[in-house]
Amino acid sequence: MISWNGYGGMGLGIGFMILGFLFMLALIAGVVLFIIWLVKQSNSHDTPNLSAVDILKIRYAKGEIDKTEFDEKMKTVSK
């Protein structure tokens, strides 16, 4: 007969500690994998199939490049 106050109870407690630790590891791994999946999903919809001219127009409209740089790059792209 197993005594809950003796050695048998201690072994059971260690078993539950190990199961709890494994559960926490699985939970953390699941959260990390979910975040990685979300990041990949958001990056896959960025700018699909835009031409170089379209990208230049967008950058100019956002103010990332000025008129002079836009004209220079358009000459290069148009060749």
Protein backbone atom coordinates (compact mmCIF):
# COMPACT_ATOMS: atom_id res chain seq x y z
CA MET A 1 0.00 0.00 0.00
CA ILE A 2 1.30 3.49 -0.96
CA SER A 3 1.48 6.06 1.77
CA TRP A 4 0.67 9.60 0.59
CA ASN A 5 2.82 11.03 3.36
CA GLY A 6 5.83 8.88 2.57
CA TYR A 7 8.12 8.17 -0.35
CA GLY A 8 5.27 7.30 -2.73
CA GLY A 9 3.79 10.77 -2.38
CA MET A 10 7.11 12.40 -3.11
CA GLY A 11 7.48 10.46 -6.36
CA LEU A 12 4.00 11.48 -7.41
CA GLY A 13 4.79 15.15 -6.73
CA ILE A 14 7.93 15.03 -8.84
CA GLY A 15 5.94 13.42 -11.66
CA PHE A 16 3.40 16.23 -11.59
CA MET A 17 6.20 18.81 -11.54
CA ILE A 18 7.73 17.25 -14.65
CA LEU A 19 4.34 17.15 -16.41
CA GLY A 20 3.72 20.79 -15.49
CA PHE A 21 7.15 21.78 -16.82
CA LEU A 22 6.54 19.91 -20.09
CA PHE A 23 3.12 21.53 -20.43
CA MET A 24 4.63 25.00 -19.96
CA LEU A 25 7.34 24.25 -22.56
CA ALA A 26 4.69 23.10 -25.04
CA LEU A 27 2.59 26.18 -24.35
CA ILE A 28 5.53 28.55 -24.86
CA ALA A 29 6.59 26.75 -28.05
CA GLY A 30 3.03 27.02 -29.38
CA VAL A 31 2.88 30.76 -28.70
CA VAL A 32 6.27 31.32 -30.38
CA LEU A 33 5.25 29.29 -33.44
CA PHE A 34 1.96 31.20 -33.67
CA ILE A 35 3.80 34.55 -33.58
CA ILE A 36 6.23 33.38 -36.28
CA TRP A 37 3.27 32.29 -38.43
CA LEU A 38 1.57 35.68 -37.96
CA VAL A 39 4.73 37.56 -38.97
CA LYS A 40 5.12 35.44 -42.10
CA GLN A 41 1.48 36.01 -43.02
CA SER A 42 1.77 39.78 -42.68
CA ASN A 43 5.00 39.90 -44.73
CA SER A 44 3.55 37.89 -47.61
CA HIS A 45 1.04 40.66 -48.47
CA ASP A 46 3.47 43.59 -48.71
CA THR A 47 3.81 44.72 -52.35
CA PRO A 48 2.98 41.88 -54.70
CA ASN A 49 3.96 42.24 -58.37
CA LEU A 50 4.64 46.00 -58.43
CA SER A 51 6.83 47.32 -61.20
CA ALA A 52 9.88 49.48 -60.50
CA VAL A 53 7.99 52.53 -61.77
CA ASP A 54 5.10 51.82 -59.39
CA ILE A 55 7.49 51.47 -56.46
CA LEU A 56 9.17 54.76 -57.36
CA LYS A 57 5.81 56.52 -57.56
CA ILE A 58 4.83 55.15 -54.14
CA ARG A 59 8.15 56.19 -52.58
CA TYR A 60 7.80 59.69 -54.08
CA ALA A 61 4.22 59.98 -52.85
CA LYS A 62 5.28 58.95 -49.33
CA GLY A 63 8.03 61.55 -49.37
CA GLU A 64 10.84 59.00 -49.10
CA ILE A 65 12.58 60.52 -52.15
CA ASP A 66 12.51 64.05 -53.56
CA LYS A 67 11.68 65.19 -57.13
CA THR A 68 15.32 65.20 -58.26
CA GLU A 69 15.97 61.66 -57.03
CA PHE A 70 12.64 60.51 -58.49
CA ASP A 71 13.54 61.90 -61.94
CA GLU A 72 17.03 60.35 -61.84
CA LYS A 73 15.68 56.94 -60.88
CA MET A 74 12.91 57.13 -63.50
CA LYS A 75 15.56 57.70 -66.18
CA THR A 76 17.45 54.65 -64.95
CA VAL A 77 14.33 52.47 -64.80
CA SER A 78 13.02 53.61 -68.18
CA LYS A 79 16.12 52.42 -70.06
